[in-house]
Amino acid sequence: MSLENVPVDLPDFELIANMFVEEGVKVVSPAELHGLIAGHLAAGARLQPAVLLQTACELMDINSLSQESSKVTLVNLYTATCNALESLDLEFELLLPDDDNEISLRAESLGRWCQSFLSGFGLYGKHTDKSLSQEAKETLNDLGQIAQISSELEELDENEADLMEVQEYVRMAVLMLFTECNKALEDKEKEFAKSQPENNRLH
């Protein structure tokens, strides 16, 4: 399966949730899957389809995906997330339950999203503290705090506003981390290219 010629619209939360049901996945939520993917990408990793499917199956605690449509949905999710992070239009969005769901569910999903993002970022980022800016370190610490968010929120306008504010902070934090880490990788690649003998460079 290729990552090319796949629709790039981000699948909605319910579509991923239905895929989980079809595949017998019970241990994780769509938010956790999306957080993990975003963490990989923000850290600079790029997964080939086979590795993506394997990584997702490990998270979902299943041996393999039984439906071909599930594979397409998963690749679509990955491609749309990657495109949104790379876009200059700040199009990136978190895959979370719709606003008409209970606030407690949405808060819990945001916490799980952040937890999985940090797992994906740490596992494939290969970034030591020395390679990250102070702002990036503080941002990762903030995401760690948000991952502990309480799901026991009452349906109050004040709590709703606070949750939306935190959600927007997470969105912008991920874009900042993506920009910093992926630029660092680009700079390293350029330096490596410059260090190669002239006759070894690609023309």
Protein backbone atom coordinates (compact mmCIF):
# COMPACT_ATOMS: atom_id res chain seq x y z
CA MET A 1 0.00 0.00 0.00
CA SER A 2 1.26 3.45 -0.89
CA LEU A 3 0.79 6.68 0.99
CA GLU A 4 0.18 8.33 -2.37
CA ASN A 5 -3.26 8.94 -3.89
CA VAL A 6 -5.02 8.64 -0.54
CA PRO A 7 -7.68 11.19 0.51
CA VAL A 8 -6.12 13.70 2.85
CA ASP A 9 -9.16 14.87 4.85
CA LEU A 10 -8.75 14.01 8.51
CA PRO A 11 -11.16 11.17 9.35
CA ASP A 12 -13.55 12.14 12.12
CA PHE A 13 -13.48 10.65 15.60
CA GLU A 14 -16.55 8.46 15.06
CA LEU A 15 -15.10 6.91 11.89
CA ILE A 16 -11.97 5.82 13.76
CA ALA A 17 -14.10 4.65 16.70
CA ASN A 18 -16.18 2.50 14.34
CA MET A 19 -12.99 1.06 12.85
CA PHE A 20 -11.90 0.09 16.35
CA VAL A 21 -15.21 -1.72 16.89
CA GLU A 22 -14.84 -3.63 13.61
CA GLU A 23 -11.29 -4.65 14.54
CA GLY A 24 -12.20 -5.61 18.11
CA VAL A 25 -10.07 -2.86 19.66
CA LYS A 26 -11.10 -2.08 23.24
CA VAL A 27 -8.00 -0.82 25.04
CA VAL A 28 -7.39 2.56 23.37
CA SER A 29 -9.33 5.49 21.96
CA PRO A 30 -9.05 7.27 18.59
CA ALA A 31 -7.56 10.22 20.48
CA GLU A 32 -4.66 8.06 21.67
CA LEU A 33 -3.98 6.76 18.16
CA HIS A 34 -3.92 10.27 16.72
CA GLY A 35 -1.76 11.57 19.55
CA LEU A 36 0.79 8.82 18.93
CA ILE A 37 0.92 9.56 15.20
CA ALA A 38 1.27 13.31 15.82
CA GLY A 39 4.06 12.64 18.33
CA HIS A 40 6.03 10.60 15.79
CA LEU A 41 5.64 13.30 13.15
CA ALA A 42 6.41 16.22 15.46
CA ALA A 43 9.66 14.55 16.54
CA GLY A 44 10.74 14.22 12.91
CA ALA A 45 9.93 10.55 12.27
CA ARG A 46 8.28 9.46 9.04
CA LEU A 47 6.71 6.01 8.97
CA GLN A 48 6.41 3.79 5.92
CA PRO A 49 2.95 2.18 5.59
CA ALA A 50 4.07 -1.22 6.90
CA VAL A 51 5.72 0.34 9.95
CA LEU A 52 2.72 2.61 10.51
CA LEU A 53 0.33 -0.34 10.51
CA GLN A 54 2.59 -2.33 12.83
CA THR A 55 2.94 0.60 15.24
CA ALA A 56 -0.81 1.15 15.28
CA CYS A 57 -1.51 -2.54 15.89
CA GLU A 58 0.90 -2.56 18.82
CA LEU A 59 -0.93 0.41 20.35
CA MET A 60 -4.32 -1.22 19.73
CA ASP A 61 -3.06 -4.55 21.15
CA ILE A 62 -4.01 -6.60 18.08
CA ASN A 63 -1.90 -8.76 15.78
CA SER A 64 -3.09 -7.22 12.52
CA LEU A 65 -5.95 -5.34 10.88
CA SER A 66 -8.54 -7.69 9.42
CA GLN A 67 -10.26 -5.17 7.14
CA GLU A 68 -8.61 -3.57 4.14
CA SER A 69 -10.79 -0.50 4.76
CA SER A 70 -9.18 -0.17 8.20
CA LYS A 71 -5.74 0.02 6.61
CA VAL A 72 -6.92 2.72 4.22
CA THR A 73 -8.48 4.69 7.08
CA LEU A 74 -5.28 4.45 9.10
CA VAL A 75 -3.06 5.59 6.23
CA ASN A 76 -5.54 8.38 5.55
CA LEU A 77 -5.31 9.49 9.19
CA TYR A 78 -1.50 9.50 9.03
CA THR A 79 -1.34 11.33 5.69
CA ALA A 80 -3.88 13.97 6.71
CA THR A 81 -2.06 14.59 9.99
CA CYS A 82 1.31 14.90 8.26
CA ASN A 83 -0.06 17.27 5.62
CA ALA A 84 -1.74 19.44 8.26
CA LEU A 85 1.44 19.70 10.34
CA GLU A 86 3.49 20.62 7.28
CA SER A 87 0.94 23.18 6.08
CA LEU A 88 1.75 26.85 6.46
CA ASP A 89 -1.94 27.51 7.13
CA LEU A 90 -1.88 26.06 10.67
CA GLU A 91 -4.57 23.58 9.64
CA PHE A 92 -3.59 20.94 12.19
CA GLU A 93 -6.43 19.78 14.45
CA LEU A 94 -6.60 17.30 17.33
CA LEU A 95 -8.76 14.23 16.76
CA LEU A 96 -11.15 14.47 19.72
CA PRO A 97 -14.84 13.77 20.38
CA ASP A 98 -17.25 16.39 19.01
CA ASP A 99 -18.30 19.29 21.21
CA ASP A 100 -21.78 17.80 21.71
CA ASN A 101 -20.25 15.02 23.84
CA GLU A 102 -20.06 15.35 27.62
CA ILE A 103 -17.26 17.60 28.81
CA SER A 104 -15.88 14.82 31.02
CA LEU A 105 -15.36 12.57 27.98
CA ARG A 106 -13.71 15.35 26.00
CA ALA A 107 -11.39 16.24 28.88
CA GLU A 108 -10.38 12.60 29.33
CA SER A 109 -9.75 12.27 25.58
CA LEU A 110 -7.56 15.38 25.57
CA GLY A 111 -5.50 13.96 28.43
CA ARG A 112 -5.09 10.65 26.62
CA TRP A 113 -4.17 12.47 23.40
CA CYS A 114 -1.38 14.33 25.18
CA GLN A 115 -0.12 11.18 26.89
CA SER A 116 0.14 9.33 23.58
CA PHE A 117 1.71 12.34 21.87
CA LEU A 118 4.47 12.37 24.48
CA SER A 119 4.98 8.62 24.01
CA GLY A 120 5.28 8.97 20.24
CA PHE A 121 7.53 12.00 20.53
CA GLY A 122 9.86 10.38 23.03
CA LEU A 123 10.05 6.99 21.34
CA TYR A 124 11.09 8.13 17.88
CA GLY A 125 12.30 11.67 18.44
CA LYS A 126 15.78 10.76 19.62
CA HIS A 127 15.95 14.28 21.03
CA THR A 128 18.00 14.78 24.15
CA ASP A 129 17.41 17.71 26.44
CA LYS A 130 20.42 19.44 24.91
CA SER A 131 18.92 19.38 21.42
CA LEU A 132 15.67 21.07 22.45
CA SER A 133 15.15 24.76 23.12
CA GLN A 134 14.07 25.87 26.58
CA GLU A 135 10.65 26.73 25.15
CA ALA A 136 10.28 23.21 23.75
CA LYS A 137 11.24 21.64 27.09
CA GLU A 138 8.70 23.79 28.92
CA THR A 139 6.06 22.92 26.34
CA LEU A 140 6.67 19.19 26.79
CA ASN A 141 6.36 19.67 30.54
CA ASP A 142 3.07 21.52 30.01
CA LEU A 143 1.75 18.67 27.86
CA GLY A 144 2.74 16.26 30.61
CA GLN A 145 0.65 18.27 33.06
CA ILE A 146 -2.31 18.40 30.66
CA ALA A 147 -2.08 14.62 30.25
CA GLN A 148 -3.13 14.42 33.91
CA ILE A 149 -6.26 16.55 33.33
CA SER A 150 -9.22 15.59 35.46
CA SER A 151 -12.19 14.11 33.61
CA GLU A 152 -14.51 14.96 36.50
CA LEU A 153 -15.67 18.29 35.11
CA GLU A 154 -19.15 19.67 35.49
CA GLU A 155 -21.09 20.97 32.49
CA LEU A 156 -20.40 24.63 33.21
CA ASP A 157 -19.72 27.43 30.73
CA GLU A 158 -16.55 28.27 32.65
CA ASN A 159 -15.23 24.71 32.37
CA GLU A 160 -16.18 24.61 28.69
CA ALA A 161 -14.20 27.78 28.00
CA ASP A 162 -11.22 26.50 29.97
CA LEU A 163 -11.19 23.19 28.11
CA MET A 164 -11.34 24.91 24.73
CA GLU A 165 -8.46 27.18 25.77
CA VAL A 166 -6.33 24.22 26.86
CA GLN A 167 -7.18 22.35 23.66
CA GLU A 168 -6.05 25.32 21.56
CA TYR A 169 -2.84 25.57 23.60
CA VAL A 170 -2.10 21.90 22.87
CA ARG A 171 -2.74 22.42 19.16
CA MET A 172 -0.32 25.35 18.94
CA ALA A 173 2.23 23.59 21.16
CA VAL A 174 2.33 20.62 18.78
CA LEU A 175 2.83 22.93 15.80
CA MET A 176 5.70 24.68 17.62
CA LEU A 177 7.39 21.38 18.49
CA PHE A 178 6.93 20.13 14.93
CA THR A 179 8.48 23.29 13.49
CA GLU A 180 11.49 23.20 15.83
CA CYS A 181 12.29 19.50 15.55
CA ASN A 182 11.72 19.13 11.83
CA LYS A 183 13.73 22.24 11.04
CA ALA A 184 16.57 20.82 13.12
CA LEU A 185 16.49 17.64 11.06
CA GLU A 186 16.44 19.61 7.81
CA ASP A 187 19.46 21.62 8.94
CA LYS A 188 21.34 18.41 9.80
CA GLU A 189 20.58 16.96 6.37
CA LYS A 190 21.84 20.13 4.70
CA GLU A 191 25.04 20.07 6.74
CA PHE A 192 25.55 16.41 5.86
CA ALA A 193 25.06 17.17 2.17
CA LYS A 194 27.62 19.98 2.34
CA SER A 195 30.15 17.67 3.99
CA GLN A 196 30.01 15.15 1.16
CA PRO A 197 32.64 15.23 -1.62
CA GLU A 198 31.41 17.09 -4.70
CA ASN A 199 31.33 13.96 -6.87
CA ASN A 200 29.16 12.14 -4.30
CA ARG A 201 26.40 14.70 -4.27
CA LEU A 202 23.16 14.10 -6.11
CA HIS A 203 22.54 16.39 -9.06
